[in-house]
C-alpha atoms as a PDB file:
ATOM      1  CA  UNK A   1     107.613 220.532-140.099  1.00  0.00           C
ATOM      2  CA  UNK A   2     109.141 217.198-141.204  1.00  0.00           C
ATOM      3  CA  UNK A   3     108.922 215.799-137.698  1.00  0.00           C
ATOM      4  CA  UNK A   4     109.618 212.133-138.573  1.00  0.00           C
ATOM      5  CA  UNK A   5     112.770 213.118-140.448  1.00  0.00           C
ATOM      6  CA  UNK A   6     113.902 215.359-137.592  1.00  0.00           C
ATOM      7  CA  UNK A   7     113.275 212.550-135.074  1.00  0.00           C
ATOM      8  CA  UNK A   8     115.418 210.082-137.042  1.00  0.00           C
ATOM      9  CA  UNK A   9     118.155 212.663-137.419  1.00  0.00           C
ATOM     10  CA  UNK A  10     118.171 213.528-133.695  1.00  0.00           C
ATOM     11  CA  UNK A  11     118.285 209.868-132.627  1.00  0.00           C
ATOM     12  CA  UNK A  12     121.136 209.125-135.043  1.00  0.00           C
ATOM     13  CA  UNK A  13     123.157 212.076-133.820  1.00  0.00           C
ATOM     14  CA  UNK A  14     122.551 211.053-130.203  1.00  0.00           C
ATOM     15  CA  UNK A  15     123.951 207.567-130.801  1.00  0.00           C
ATOM     16  CA  UNK A  16     127.077 208.995-132.407  1.00  0.00           C
ATOM     17  CA  UNK A  17     127.560 211.446-129.542  1.00  0.00           C
ATOM     18  CA  UNK A  18     127.184 208.712-126.920  1.00  0.00           C
ATOM     19  CA  UNK A  19     129.844 206.700-128.720  1.00  0.00           C
ATOM     20  CA  UNK A  20     132.068 209.795-128.691  1.00  0.00           C
ATOM     21  CA  UNK A  21     131.457 210.044-124.936  1.00  0.00           C
ATOM     22  CA  UNK A  22     132.860 206.533-124.429  1.00  0.00           C
ATOM     23  CA  UNK A  23     135.841 207.441-126.618  1.00  0.00           C
ATOM     24  CA  UNK A  24     136.396 210.497-124.403  1.00  0.00           C
ATOM     25  CA  UNK A  25     136.607 208.308-121.286  1.00  0.00           C
ATOM     26  CA  UNK A  26     139.103 206.021-123.029  1.00  0.00           C
ATOM     27  CA  UNK A  27     141.137 209.046-124.140  1.00  0.00           C
ATOM     28  CA  UNK A  28     141.127 210.358-120.563  1.00  0.00           C
ATOM     29  CA  UNK A  29     142.549 207.065-119.284  1.00  0.00           C
ATOM     30  CA  UNK A  30     145.305 207.254-121.915  1.00  0.00           C
ATOM     31  CA  UNK A  31     146.009 210.914-121.116  1.00  0.00           C
ATOM     32  CA  UNK A  32     146.305 210.221-117.379  1.00  0.00           C
ATOM     33  CA  UNK A  33     148.743 207.375-118.025  1.00  0.00           C
ATOM     34  CA  UNK A  34     150.864 209.539-120.355  1.00  0.00           C
ATOM     35  CA  UNK A  35     150.802 212.466-117.928  1.00  0.00           C
ATOM     36  CA  UNK A  36     151.805 210.294-114.992  1.00  0.00           C
ATOM     37  CA  UNK A  37     154.517 208.597-117.052  1.00  0.00           C
ATOM     38  CA  UNK A  38     155.936 212.033-117.909  1.00  0.00           C
ATOM     39  CA  UNK A  39     155.740 213.133-114.283  1.00  0.00           C
ATOM     40  CA  UNK A  40     157.458 209.910-113.193  1.00  0.00           C
ATOM     41  CA  UNK A  41     160.207 210.462-115.722  1.00  0.00           C
ATOM     42  CA  UNK A  42     160.819 214.095-114.673  1.00  0.00           C
ATOM     43  CA  UNK A  43     160.931 213.258-110.981  1.00  0.00           C
ATOM     44  CA  UNK A  44     162.729 209.920-111.072  1.00  0.00           C
ATOM     45  CA  UNK A  45     162.753 207.718-114.171  1.00  0.00           C
ATOM     46  CA  UNK A  46     164.916 209.831-116.498  1.00  0.00           C
ATOM     47  CA  UNK A  47     167.710 210.063-113.940  1.00  0.00           C
ATOM     48  CA  UNK A  48     167.960 206.395-113.015  1.00  0.00           C
ATOM     49  CA  UNK A  49     170.829 204.340-114.466  1.00  0.00           C
ATOM     50  CA  UNK A  50     169.903 201.700-116.986  1.00  0.00           C
ATOM     51  CA  UNK A  51     167.429 203.738-119.007  1.00  0.00           C
ATOM     52  CA  UNK A  52     163.870 204.851-118.464  1.00  0.00           C
ATOM     53  CA  UNK A  53     161.378 202.297-117.164  1.00  0.00           C
ATOM     54  CA  UNK A  54     158.044 202.393-115.417  1.00  0.00           C
ATOM     55  CA  UNK A  55     157.247 200.588-112.161  1.00  0.00           C
ATOM     56  CA  UNK A  56     155.493 197.238-112.346  1.00  0.00           C
ATOM     57  CA  UNK A  57     151.731 197.449-112.916  1.00  0.00           C
ATOM     58  CA  UNK A  58     152.062 201.215-113.492  1.00  0.00           C
ATOM     59  CA  UNK A  59     149.530 201.346-116.326  1.00  0.00           C
ATOM     60  CA  UNK A  60     147.127 198.865-114.713  1.00  0.00           C
ATOM     61  CA  UNK A  61     147.041 200.740-111.412  1.00  0.00           C
ATOM     62  CA  UNK A  62     146.616 204.159-113.052  1.00  0.00           C
ATOM     63  CA  UNK A  63     143.864 202.848-115.326  1.00  0.00           C
ATOM     64  CA  UNK A  64     142.069 201.219-112.415  1.00  0.00           C
ATOM     65  CA  UNK A  65     142.244 204.331-110.222  1.00  0.00           C
ATOM     66  CA  UNK A  66     141.064 206.573-113.085  1.00  0.00           C
ATOM     67  CA  UNK A  67     138.090 204.344-113.879  1.00  0.00           C
ATOM     68  CA  UNK A  68     137.320 204.063-110.166  1.00  0.00           C
ATOM     69  CA  UNK A  69     137.035 207.841-109.898  1.00  0.00           C
ATOM     70  CA  UNK A  70     135.042 208.217-113.127  1.00  0.00           C
ATOM     71  CA  UNK A  71     132.624 205.342-112.482  1.00  0.00           C
ATOM     72  CA  UNK A  72     132.441 206.081-108.761  1.00  0.00           C
ATOM     73  CA  UNK A  73     131.600 209.709-109.458  1.00  0.00           C
ATOM     74  CA  UNK A  74     129.014 208.594-111.993  1.00  0.00           C
ATOM     75  CA  UNK A  75     127.388 206.314-109.412  1.00  0.00           C
ATOM     76  CA  UNK A  76     127.406 208.940-106.642  1.00  0.00           C
ATOM     77  CA  UNK A  77     125.907 211.703-108.809  1.00  0.00           C
ATOM     78  CA  UNK A  78     123.231 209.575-110.470  1.00  0.00           C
ATOM     79  CA  UNK A  79     122.245 208.184-107.072  1.00  0.00           C
ATOM     80  CA  UNK A  80     121.946 211.708-105.716  1.00  0.00           C
ATOM     81  CA  UNK A  81     119.818 212.891-108.651  1.00  0.00           C
ATOM     82  CA  UNK A  82     117.536 209.853-108.599  1.00  0.00           C
ATOM     83  CA  UNK A  83     117.224 209.585-104.804  1.00  0.00           C
ATOM     84  CA  UNK A  84     113.569 209.926-103.836  1.00  0.00           C
ATOM     85  CA  UNK A  85     112.303 209.796-107.419  1.00  0.00           C
ATOM     86  CA  UNK A  86     111.079 212.503-109.747  1.00  0.00           C
ATOM     87  CA  UNK A  87     108.862 214.228-107.185  1.00  0.00           C
ATOM     88  CA  UNK A  88     111.706 214.874-104.768  1.00  0.00           C
ATOM     89  CA  UNK A  89     113.970 216.245-107.494  1.00  0.00           C
ATOM     90  CA  UNK A  90     111.146 218.479-108.732  1.00  0.00           C
ATOM     91  CA  UNK A  91     110.634 219.745-105.171  1.00  0.00           C
ATOM     92  CA  UNK A  92     114.338 220.554-104.980  1.00  0.00           C
ATOM     93  CA  UNK A  93     113.815 222.650-108.117  1.00  0.00           C
ATOM     94  CA  UNK A  94     111.039 224.607-106.392  1.00  0.00           C
ATOM     95  CA  UNK A  95     107.938 222.743-107.603  1.00  0.00           C
ATOM     96  CA  UNK A  96     104.852 221.741-105.634  1.00  0.00           C
ATOM     97  CA  UNK A  97     101.917 219.480-106.591  1.00  0.00           C
ATOM     98  CA  UNK A  98      99.359 221.121-108.854  1.00  0.00           C
ATOM     99  CA  UNK A  99      96.152 222.139-107.084  1.00  0.00           C
ATOM    100  CA  UNK A 100      93.236 221.868-109.551  1.00  0.00           C
ATOM    101  CA  UNK A 101      90.773 223.135-106.943  1.00  0.00           C
ATOM    102  CA  UNK A 102      92.861 226.254-106.372  1.00  0.00           C
ATOM    103  CA  UNK A 103      92.314 227.891-109.764  1.00  0.00           C
ATOM    104  CA  UNK A 104      91.231 227.410-113.348  1.00  0.00           C
ATOM    105  CA  UNK A 105      94.782 227.659-114.717  1.00  0.00           C
ATOM    106  CA  UNK A 106      96.025 224.708-112.688  1.00  0.00           C
ATOM    107  CA  UNK A 107      92.867 222.742-113.481  1.00  0.00           C
ATOM    108  CA  UNK A 108      93.504 223.343-117.179  1.00  0.00           C
ATOM    109  CA  UNK A 109      97.120 222.179-116.791  1.00  0.00           C
ATOM    110  CA  UNK A 110      96.094 218.962-114.998  1.00  0.00           C
ATOM    111  CA  UNK A 111      93.478 218.258-117.679  1.00  0.00           C
ATOM    112  CA  UNK A 112      96.078 218.687-120.425  1.00  0.00           C
ATOM    113  CA  UNK A 113      98.440 216.278-118.635  1.00  0.00           C
ATOM    114  CA  UNK A 114      95.632 213.692-118.543  1.00  0.00           C
ATOM    115  CA  UNK A 115      94.857 214.224-122.241  1.00  0.00           C
ATOM    116  CA  UNK A 116      98.498 213.978-123.294  1.00  0.00           C
ATOM    117  CA  UNK A 117      98.950 210.743-121.345  1.00  0.00           C
ATOM    118  CA  UNK A 118      96.138 209.239-123.412  1.00  0.00           C
ATOM    119  CA  UNK A 119      97.457 210.660-126.681  1.00  0.00           C
ATOM    120  CA  UNK A 120     101.037 209.468-126.085  1.00  0.00           C
ATOM    121  CA  UNK A 121     100.197 206.094-124.545  1.00  0.00           C
ATOM    122  CA  UNK A 122     102.381 206.867-121.498  1.00  0.00           C
ATOM    123  CA  UNK A 123     101.525 206.582-117.833  1.00  0.00           C
ATOM    124  CA  UNK A 124     100.133 209.779-116.375  1.00  0.00           C
ATOM    125  CA  UNK A 125     102.953 211.674-114.624  1.00  0.00           C
ATOM    126  CA  UNK A 126     102.553 213.789-111.517  1.00  0.00           C
ATOM    127  CA  UNK A 127     101.601 217.367-112.414  1.00  0.00           C
ATOM    128  CA  UNK A 128     103.529 220.023-110.471  1.00  0.00           C
ATOM    129  CA  UNK A 129     103.861 223.801-110.553  1.00  0.00           C
ATOM    130  CA  UNK A 130     106.781 226.142-109.807  1.00  0.00           C
ATOM    131  CA  UNK A 131     104.590 228.811-108.262  1.00  0.00           C
ATOM    132  CA  UNK A 132     107.189 231.543-107.763  1.00  0.00           C
ATOM    133  CA  UNK A 133     108.622 231.674-111.265  1.00  0.00           C
ATOM    134  CA  UNK A 134     107.266 234.361-113.609  1.00  0.00           C
ATOM    135  CA  UNK A 135     109.294 233.015-116.524  1.00  0.00           C
ATOM    136  CA  UNK A 136     107.742 230.645-119.054  1.00  0.00           C
ATOM    137  CA  UNK A 137     109.409 227.281-118.553  1.00  0.00           C
ATOM    138  CA  UNK A 138     108.829 223.609-117.765  1.00  0.00           C
ATOM    139  CA  UNK A 139     110.743 220.447-116.998  1.00  0.00           C
ATOM    140  CA  UNK A 140     110.291 216.690-116.654  1.00  0.00           C
ATOM    141  CA  UNK A 141     111.980 214.502-114.052  1.00  0.00           C
ATOM    142  CA  UNK A 142     111.907 210.853-113.077  1.00  0.00           C
ATOM    143  CA  UNK A 143     113.983 207.750-113.592  1.00  0.00           C
ATOM    144  CA  UNK A 144     111.127 206.063-115.487  1.00  0.00           C
ATOM    145  CA  UNK A 145     107.425 206.417-116.238  1.00  0.00           C
ATOM    146  CA  UNK A 146     106.428 205.196-112.783  1.00  0.00           C
ATOM    147  CA  UNK A 147     107.864 208.206-110.932  1.00  0.00           C
ATOM    148  CA  UNK A 148     107.758 210.768-113.746  1.00  0.00           C
ATOM    149  CA  UNK A 149     106.870 214.404-113.124  1.00  0.00           C
ATOM    150  CA  UNK A 150     105.869 217.186-115.503  1.00  0.00           C
ATOM    151  CA  UNK A 151     106.198 220.641-113.942  1.00  0.00           C
ATOM    152  CA  UNK A 152     105.415 224.065-115.385  1.00  0.00           C
ATOM    153  CA  UNK A 153     106.102 227.533-114.044  1.00  0.00           C
ATOM    154  CA  UNK A 154     103.510 230.053-112.945  1.00  0.00           C
ATOM    155  CA  UNK A 155     104.574 232.190-115.886  1.00  0.00           C
ATOM    156  CA  UNK A 156     103.552 229.405-118.270  1.00  0.00           C
ATOM    157  CA  UNK A 157     100.128 229.141-116.620  1.00  0.00           C
ATOM    158  CA  UNK A 158      99.662 232.917-116.749  1.00  0.00           C
ATOM    159  CA  UNK A 159     100.696 233.608-120.346  1.00  0.00           C
ATOM    160  CA  UNK A 160     100.086 230.486-122.446  1.00  0.00           C
ATOM    161  CA  UNK A 161      96.912 229.610-124.311  1.00  0.00           C
ATOM    162  CA  UNK A 162      95.521 226.113-124.053  1.00  0.00           C
ATOM    163  CA  UNK A 163      97.063 225.183-127.410  1.00  0.00           C
ATOM    164  CA  UNK A 164     100.462 226.481-126.321  1.00  0.00           C
ATOM    165  CA  UNK A 165     100.273 224.702-122.964  1.00  0.00           C
ATOM    166  CA  UNK A 166      99.491 221.495-124.864  1.00  0.00           C
ATOM    167  CA  UNK A 167     102.628 221.978-126.961  1.00  0.00           C
ATOM    168  CA  UNK A 168     104.720 222.590-123.854  1.00  0.00           C
ATOM    169  CA  UNK A 169     103.352 219.500-122.043  1.00  0.00           C
ATOM    170  CA  UNK A 170     103.809 217.369-125.190  1.00  0.00           C
ATOM    171  CA  UNK A 171     107.473 218.422-125.308  1.00  0.00           C
ATOM    172  CA  UNK A 172     107.993 217.230-121.736  1.00  0.00           C
ATOM    173  CA  UNK A 173     106.108 213.981-122.406  1.00  0.00           C
ATOM    174  CA  UNK A 174     108.561 213.285-125.213  1.00  0.00           C
ATOM    175  CA  UNK A 175     111.464 213.541-122.770  1.00  0.00           C
ATOM    176  CA  UNK A 176     109.755 210.967-120.547  1.00  0.00           C
ATOM    177  CA  UNK A 177     108.819 208.613-123.381  1.00  0.00           C
ATOM    178  CA  UNK A 178     112.281 208.739-124.986  1.00  0.00           C
ATOM    179  CA  UNK A 179     114.056 208.169-121.645  1.00  0.00           C
ATOM    180  CA  UNK A 180     115.798 211.543-121.833  1.00  0.00           C
ATOM    181  CA  UNK A 181     115.495 212.264-118.098  1.00  0.00           C
ATOM    182  CA  UNK A 182     117.286 209.009-117.287  1.00  0.00           C
ATOM    183  CA  UNK A 183     119.873 209.545-120.028  1.00  0.00           C
ATOM    184  CA  UNK A 184     120.648 213.080-118.878  1.00  0.00           C
ATOM    185  CA  UNK A 185     121.101 212.002-115.265  1.00  0.00           C
ATOM    186  CA  UNK A 186     123.557 209.331-116.371  1.00  0.00           C
ATOM    187  CA  UNK A 187     125.489 211.802-118.503  1.00  0.00           C
ATOM    188  CA  UNK A 188     125.568 214.293-115.613  1.00  0.00           C
ATOM    189  CA  UNK A 189     127.002 211.550-113.428  1.00  0.00           C
ATOM    190  CA  UNK A 190     129.669 210.737-115.990  1.00  0.00           C
ATOM    191  CA  UNK A 191     130.687 214.388-116.300  1.00  0.00           C
ATOM    192  CA  UNK A 192     130.863 214.575-112.502  1.00  0.00           C
ATOM    193  CA  UNK A 193     133.157 211.532-112.549  1.00  0.00           C
ATOM    194  CA  UNK A 194     135.400 213.192-115.128  1.00  0.00           C
ATOM    195  CA  UNK A 195     135.569 216.264-112.910  1.00  0.00           C
ATOM    196  CA  UNK A 196     136.701 214.109-109.981  1.00  0.00           C
ATOM    197  CA  UNK A 197     139.915 213.293-111.867  1.00  0.00           C
ATOM    198  CA  UNK A 198     140.653 217.016-112.000  1.00  0.00           C
ATOM    199  CA  UNK A 199     139.827 217.370-108.290  1.00  0.00           C
ATOM    200  CA  UNK A 200     142.227 214.543-107.435  1.00  0.00           C
ATOM    201  CA  UNK A 201     145.039 216.289-109.312  1.00  0.00           C
ATOM    202  CA  UNK A 202     144.144 219.582-107.634  1.00  0.00           C
ATOM    203  CA  UNK A 203     144.464 217.928-104.223  1.00  0.00           C
ATOM    204  CA  UNK A 204     147.890 216.516-105.094  1.00  0.00           C
ATOM    205  CA  UNK A 205     149.000 219.901-106.431  1.00  0.00           C
ATOM    206  CA  UNK A 206     148.237 221.743-103.182  1.00  0.00           C
ATOM    207  CA  UNK A 207     151.099 222.393-100.703  1.00  0.00           C
ATOM    208  CA  UNK A 208     151.363 220.324 -97.542  1.00  0.00           C
ATOM    209  CA  UNK A 209     150.389 221.480 -94.046  1.00  0.00           C
ATOM    210  CA  UNK A 210     153.635 223.488 -93.753  1.00  0.00           C
ATOM    211  CA  UNK A 211     153.134 225.223 -97.089  1.00  0.00           C
ATOM    212  CA  UNK A 212     155.818 223.214 -98.845  1.00  0.00           C
ATOM    213  CA  UNK A 213     155.441 221.787-102.314  1.00  0.00           C
ATOM    214  CA  UNK A 214     156.814 218.313-102.952  1.00  0.00           C
ATOM    215  CA  UNK A 215     157.521 216.273-106.046  1.00  0.00           C
ATOM    216  CA  UNK A 216     153.870 215.193-105.943  1.00  0.00           C
ATOM    217  CA  UNK A 217     153.113 218.674-107.281  1.00  0.00           C
ATOM    218  CA  UNK A 218     154.233 217.590-110.757  1.00  0.00           C
ATOM    219  CA  UNK A 219     152.055 214.492-110.597  1.00  0.00           C
ATOM    220  CA  UNK A 220     149.113 216.602-109.437  1.00  0.00           C
ATOM    221  CA  UNK A 221     149.657 219.137-112.208  1.00  0.00           C
ATOM    222  CA  UNK A 222     149.775 216.385-114.833  1.00  0.00           C
ATOM    223  CA  UNK A 223     146.553 214.817-113.537  1.00  0.00           C
ATOM    224  CA  UNK A 224     144.865 218.247-113.368  1.00  0.00           C
ATOM    225  CA  UNK A 225     145.633 218.975-117.014  1.00  0.00           C
ATOM    226  CA  UNK A 226     144.416 215.571-118.192  1.00  0.00           C
ATOM    227  CA  UNK A 227     141.328 215.745-115.968  1.00  0.00           C
ATOM    228  CA  UNK A 228     140.415 219.271-117.064  1.00  0.00           C
ATOM    229  CA  UNK A 229     140.644 218.374-120.740  1.00  0.00           C
ATOM    230  CA  UNK A 230     138.516 215.298-120.121  1.00  0.00           C
ATOM    231  CA  UNK A 231     135.921 217.289-118.194  1.00  0.00           C
ATOM    232  CA  UNK A 232     135.648 219.942-120.920  1.00  0.00           C
ATOM    233  CA  UNK A 233     135.273 217.295-123.617  1.00  0.00           C
ATOM    234  CA  UNK A 234     132.677 215.413-121.551  1.00  0.00           C
ATOM    235  CA  UNK A 235     130.724 218.573-120.782  1.00  0.00           C
ATOM    236  CA  UNK A 236     130.715 219.550-124.456  1.00  0.00           C
ATOM    237  CA  UNK A 237     129.439 216.110-125.479  1.00  0.00           C
ATOM    238  CA  UNK A 238     126.756 216.198-122.766  1.00  0.00           C
ATOM    239  CA  UNK A 239     125.579 219.558-124.068  1.00  0.00           C
ATOM    240  CA  UNK A 240     125.557 218.258-127.651  1.00  0.00           C
ATOM    241  CA  UNK A 241     123.453 215.235-126.641  1.00  0.00           C
ATOM    242  CA  UNK A 242     121.054 217.515-124.739  1.00  0.00           C
ATOM    243  CA  UNK A 243     120.608 219.776-127.787  1.00  0.00           C
ATOM    244  CA  UNK A 244     119.716 216.803-129.988  1.00  0.00           C
ATOM    245  CA  UNK A 245     117.182 215.562-127.437  1.00  0.00           C
ATOM    246  CA  UNK A 246     115.596 219.029-127.396  1.00  0.00           C
ATOM    247  CA  UNK A 247     115.200 218.904-131.173  1.00  0.00           C
ATOM    248  CA  UNK A 248     113.695 215.420-130.866  1.00  0.00           C
ATOM    249  CA  UNK A 249     111.234 216.555-128.164  1.00  0.00           C
ATOM    250  CA  UNK A 250     110.234 219.578-130.268  1.00  0.00           C
ATOM    251  CA  UNK A 251     109.470 217.316-133.237  1.00  0.00           C
ATOM    252  CA  UNK A 252     107.518 214.927-131.012  1.00  0.00           C
ATOM    253  CA  UNK A 253     105.445 217.780-129.606  1.00  0.00           C
ATOM    254  CA  UNK A 254     104.451 218.907-133.104  1.00  0.00           C
ATOM    255  CA  UNK A 255     103.633 215.297-134.061  1.00  0.00           C
ATOM    256  CA  UNK A 256     101.411 214.654-131.037  1.00  0.00           C
ATOM    257  CA  UNK A 257      99.570 217.979-131.064  1.00  0.00           C
ATOM    258  CA  UNK A 258      99.487 218.388-134.870  1.00  0.00           C
ATOM    259  CA  UNK A 259     100.144 222.083-134.299  1.00  0.00           C
ATOM    260  CA  UNK A 260     103.222 224.165-134.944  1.00  0.00           C
ATOM    261  CA  UNK A 261     101.693 227.140-133.142  1.00  0.00           C
ATOM    262  CA  UNK A 262     101.484 225.239-129.858  1.00  0.00           C
ATOM    263  CA  UNK A 263     105.152 224.770-128.989  1.00  0.00           C
ATOM    264  CA  UNK A 264     106.179 227.445-131.480  1.00  0.00           C
ATOM    265  CA  UNK A 265     104.063 229.989-129.631  1.00  0.00           C
ATOM    266  CA  UNK A 266     105.658 228.979-126.328  1.00  0.00           C
ATOM    267  CA  UNK A 267     109.186 229.551-127.644  1.00  0.00           C
ATOM    268  CA  UNK A 268     108.229 232.894-129.209  1.00  0.00           C
ATOM    269  CA  UNK A 269     106.672 234.071-125.948  1.00  0.00           C
ATOM    270  CA  UNK A 270     109.887 233.132-124.142  1.00  0.00           C
ATOM    271  CA  UNK A 271     111.661 235.388-126.655  1.00  0.00           C
ATOM    272  CA  UNK A 272     109.302 238.188-125.646  1.00  0.00           C
ATOM    273  CA  UNK A 273     110.033 237.655-121.965  1.00  0.00           C
ATOM    274  CA  UNK A 274     113.766 237.650-122.573  1.00  0.00           C
ATOM    275  CA  UNK A 275     113.496 240.953-124.452  1.00  0.00           C
ATOM    276  CA  UNK A 276     111.379 242.364-121.623  1.00  0.00           C
ATOM    277  CA  UNK A 277     114.055 241.410-119.091  1.00  0.00           C
ATOM    278  CA  UNK A 278     112.029 238.903-117.061  1.00  0.00           C
ATOM    279  CA  UNK A 279     114.328 237.160-114.559  1.00  0.00           C
ATOM    280  CA  UNK A 280     113.392 233.459-114.268  1.00  0.00           C
ATOM    281  CA  UNK A 281     114.017 231.268-111.249  1.00  0.00           C
ATOM    282  CA  UNK A 282     117.550 229.897-111.512  1.00  0.00           C
ATOM    283  CA  UNK A 283     118.543 226.243-111.173  1.00  0.00           C
ATOM    284  CA  UNK A 284     121.991 224.725-110.927  1.00  0.00           C
ATOM    285  CA  UNK A 285     124.200 223.980-113.917  1.00  0.00           C
ATOM    286  CA  UNK A 286     123.770 220.220-113.492  1.00  0.00           C
ATOM    287  CA  UNK A 287     119.969 220.569-113.906  1.00  0.00           C
ATOM    288  CA  UNK A 288     119.863 222.957-116.865  1.00  0.00           C
ATOM    289  CA  UNK A 289     119.305 220.112-119.323  1.00  0.00           C
ATOM    290  CA  UNK A 290     115.979 219.285-117.636  1.00  0.00           C
ATOM    291  CA  UNK A 291     114.394 222.639-118.532  1.00  0.00           C
ATOM    292  CA  UNK A 292     112.377 223.484-121.637  1.00  0.00           C
ATOM    293  CA  UNK A 293     114.526 226.614-122.016  1.00  0.00           C
ATOM    294  CA  UNK A 294     117.925 226.950-120.327  1.00  0.00           C
ATOM    295  CA  UNK A 295     118.253 229.959-118.041  1.00  0.00           C
ATOM    296  CA  UNK A 296     121.754 229.706-116.609  1.00  0.00           C
ATOM    297  CA  UNK A 297     123.081 233.237-115.962  1.00  0.00           C
ATOM    298  CA  UNK A 298     126.147 234.358-117.880  1.00  0.00           C
ATOM    299  CA  UNK A 299     126.905 233.526-121.460  1.00  0.00           C
ATOM    300  CA  UNK A 300     129.061 230.457-122.081  1.00  0.00           C
ATOM    301  CA  UNK A 301     130.568 229.170-125.273  1.00  0.00           C
ATOM    302  CA  UNK A 302     127.884 227.963-127.672  1.00  0.00           C
ATOM    303  CA  UNK A 303     129.273 224.426-127.739  1.00  0.00           C
ATOM    304  CA  UNK A 304     128.675 224.151-123.975  1.00  0.00           C
ATOM    305  CA  UNK A 305     125.044 225.323-124.121  1.00  0.00           C
ATOM    306  CA  UNK A 306     122.594 222.583-123.113  1.00  0.00           C
ATOM    307  CA  UNK A 307     119.869 223.928-125.464  1.00  0.00           C
ATOM    308  CA  UNK A 308     119.747 225.143-129.060  1.00  0.00           C
ATOM    309  CA  UNK A 309     118.947 228.827-129.376  1.00  0.00           C
ATOM    310  CA  UNK A 310     115.291 229.834-129.460  1.00  0.00           C
ATOM    311  CA  UNK A 311     115.770 231.137-132.995  1.00  0.00           C
ATOM    312  CA  UNK A 312     117.102 227.763-134.171  1.00  0.00           C
ATOM    313  CA  UNK A 313     114.216 225.873-132.593  1.00  0.00           C
ATOM    314  CA  UNK A 314     111.562 228.218-133.995  1.00  0.00           C
ATOM    315  CA  UNK A 315     113.133 228.018-137.451  1.00  0.00           C
ATOM    316  CA  UNK A 316     112.991 224.198-137.331  1.00  0.00           C
ATOM    317  CA  UNK A 317     109.335 224.242-136.326  1.00  0.00           C
ATOM    318  CA  UNK A 318     108.114 226.819-138.850  1.00  0.00           C
ATOM    319  CA  UNK A 319     110.711 226.513-141.590  1.00  0.00           C
ATOM    320  CA  UNK A 320     111.408 230.239-141.372  1.00  0.00           C
ATOM    321  CA  UNK A 321     112.552 232.861-138.881  1.00  0.00           C
ATOM    322  CA  UNK A 322     109.870 234.390-136.654  1.00  0.00           C
ATOM    323  CA  UNK A 323     110.105 236.942-133.887  1.00  0.00           C
ATOM    324  CA  UNK A 324     108.609 237.240-130.387  1.00  0.00           C
ATOM    325  CA  UNK A 325     104.896 236.790-129.739  1.00  0.00           C
ATOM    326  CA  UNK A 326     102.671 238.878-127.477  1.00  0.00           C
ATOM    327  CA  UNK A 327     102.373 237.445-123.975  1.00  0.00           C
ATOM    328  CA  UNK A 328      98.624 238.062-123.924  1.00  0.00           C
ATOM    329  CA  UNK A 329      96.484 234.951-124.268  1.00  0.00           C
ATOM    330  CA  UNK A 330      94.901 235.148-127.681  1.00  0.00           C
ATOM    331  CA  UNK A 331      91.660 233.397-126.758  1.00  0.00           C
ATOM    332  CA  UNK A 332      91.138 235.881-123.908  1.00  0.00           C
ATOM    333  CA  UNK A 333      91.944 238.793-126.206  1.00  0.00           C
ATOM    334  CA  UNK A 334      89.379 237.535-128.718  1.00  0.00           C
ATOM    335  CA  UNK A 335      86.708 237.144-126.029  1.00  0.00           C
ATOM    336  CA  UNK A 336      87.316 240.653-124.698  1.00  0.00           C
ATOM    337  CA  UNK A 337      87.622 242.431-128.066  1.00  0.00           C
ATOM    338  CA  UNK A 338      84.722 244.474-129.513  1.00  0.00           C
ATOM    339  CA  UNK A 339      82.698 242.880-132.302  1.00  0.00           C
ATOM    340  CA  UNK A 340      84.561 243.086-135.601  1.00  0.00           C
ATOM    341  CA  UNK A 341      87.965 243.593-133.913  1.00  0.00           C
ATOM    342  CA  UNK A 342      88.745 240.063-132.733  1.00  0.00           C
ATOM    343  CA  UNK A 343      91.150 238.099-134.911  1.00  0.00           C
ATOM    344  CA  UNK A 344      92.828 241.177-136.350  1.00  0.00           C
ATOM    345  CA  UNK A 345      96.428 242.179-136.020  1.00  0.00           C
ATOM    346  CA  UNK A 346      99.731 240.359-136.195  1.00  0.00           C
ATOM    347  CA  UNK A 347     101.100 238.728-133.070  1.00  0.00           C
ATOM    348  CA  UNK A 348     104.523 238.114-134.553  1.00  0.00           C
ATOM    349  CA  UNK A 349     105.860 241.511-133.501  1.00  0.00           C
ATOM    350  CA  UNK A 350     107.483 242.338-130.192  1.00  0.00           C
ATOM    351  CA  UNK A 351     105.020 242.493-127.285  1.00  0.00           C
ATOM    352  CA  UNK A 352     103.370 245.900-126.782  1.00  0.00           C
ATOM    353  CA  UNK A 353     103.463 247.762-123.509  1.00  0.00           C
ATOM    354  CA  UNK A 354      99.796 247.117-122.804  1.00  0.00           C
ATOM    355  CA  UNK A 355      98.347 247.351-119.287  1.00  0.00           C
ATOM    356  CA  UNK A 356      96.438 244.104-119.737  1.00  0.00           C
ATOM    357  CA  UNK A 357      99.333 241.913-118.570  1.00  0.00           C
ATOM    358  CA  UNK A 358     102.326 242.192-116.303  1.00  0.00           C
ATOM    359  CA  UNK A 359     105.621 240.382-115.978  1.00  0.00           C
ATOM    360  CA  UNK A 360     105.921 240.341-112.215  1.00  0.00           C
END
């Protein structure tokens, strides 16, 4: 894997997408002004003698109110996501502190977090576990290194080898080191602010207490259309930024662990779980970008997905297409196999229906 090349490419694409995000906000301001000017003309301006004209400070007031909603929504949402630090947000997502004394799997996970902190040169984050999630997944939270959290699911502890768990943890460390958790919270706040423009138009479009619709309905409809288009564009750009950061974190994980089979094995085992119909613990749409693998129910348009497909990520890591990998831990299978049998077979096929592991 050409991980340095992929890192440069992902960072360059991210910068261009962030610039496009700012252009989207500017376009939304222009669209709101045009929509309100049209609504003003249809309700009043076109019928006044002396030709069409806008009220004084029309553009300035509309621009100010639009930016107030967008920036105010950004501030409210980012404050909500960052309130209490990474640990509190992880707890909201169902995680608890790892308990090394409670089992060997959690002790192994905590040890890997310590090792990766040394290898990456980052502060050691808090290790947490989502104990009631059989799916293989992980996430990182925190506004900065000081309150960072790396959390893995019980499914990851149950099914991943030490090498694979290293790849998974390295991926999450990349998100912390590159500031992706902070960036994604800011983008989520901006998208929330764009949505508030739509909500304002929706409120104006609703009938009054007596069920009557007034001329404000046209203004509300115009703002709704402009706000909806802005929200869709912002959401699409947020998803595009998130996909590039996932590619960057994948490349970082391979660089730090010097192993394609670490993270690659994780992604291929997730493929196996998806084929087996494992239902992971669900999180809200605004938090999907934090996960190693998105699990939002219901298919959405590809350009709104917060993650590249598993096939795309595996192909980038290995340079070729590979299928699912058995969920059984290979080192345990080798230890338990009869002499002369260990090491045989191909794990690239779909997982067999063996009694040695379960998905529940």
